[in-house]
């Protein structure tokens, strides 16, 4: 079929993608275990089991390797929305807790915040990462406001700070760690503060009533 690359070329592209993926995974591992100073072409080649020349061919500049490593974190996990506000908020924050604690996203974020203070390209990666990371949470909050479960005039930024802030504080600042129970408590505190009175349906009209 006209316009499609030949089979050997497609195979070559697949090999290139596998090589890049292996290198970026190796770079991420070095980042979370040893810090950003460990991300060099030589160390990545050793960690990935790939020739140094290949790594240099993809990333002649060490900073470009760091940028691509951080940029790979932009993959956004799709959180299924059930319509139950507590379930959805808990699932979203639990996904964040897993990334922060189990996959050590906290160390990735620490590096990104540090480097973005002086490098504009890193700042844009940080902005994009935060935007992608909170998009599922914003979607859940918007649904909650549209359904009437949450006040329509809620400030979304304040909501994100109230939900994500405690997790970041406990994991990255105070080093207390974050458990699933802590996630549940955070969601419960948020709902206790913002959830509207229970809604009772009468015909097609939804009438707020006090519990």
Foldseek 3Di string as FASTA:
>chain_A
DPPDDDPVVVVVVVVLVVVLVLLLVLQLVCCLPPNNVCQDLVSSCVSSVHDSVSSCVVPVDSVVSLLVSLLVLLDADDQDDDLPLLVRQLSLVVVVLCCCPVVVVLSSVVNLVVVVVPDVSSVVSNVSSVCRSCVSVVVSVCSCCVVVQFPVPDDVVVLCCQQVVVQCCCVRPVNVGDDSVNNSVSSVVSSVVTTFADWDDDPPDIDHDHD
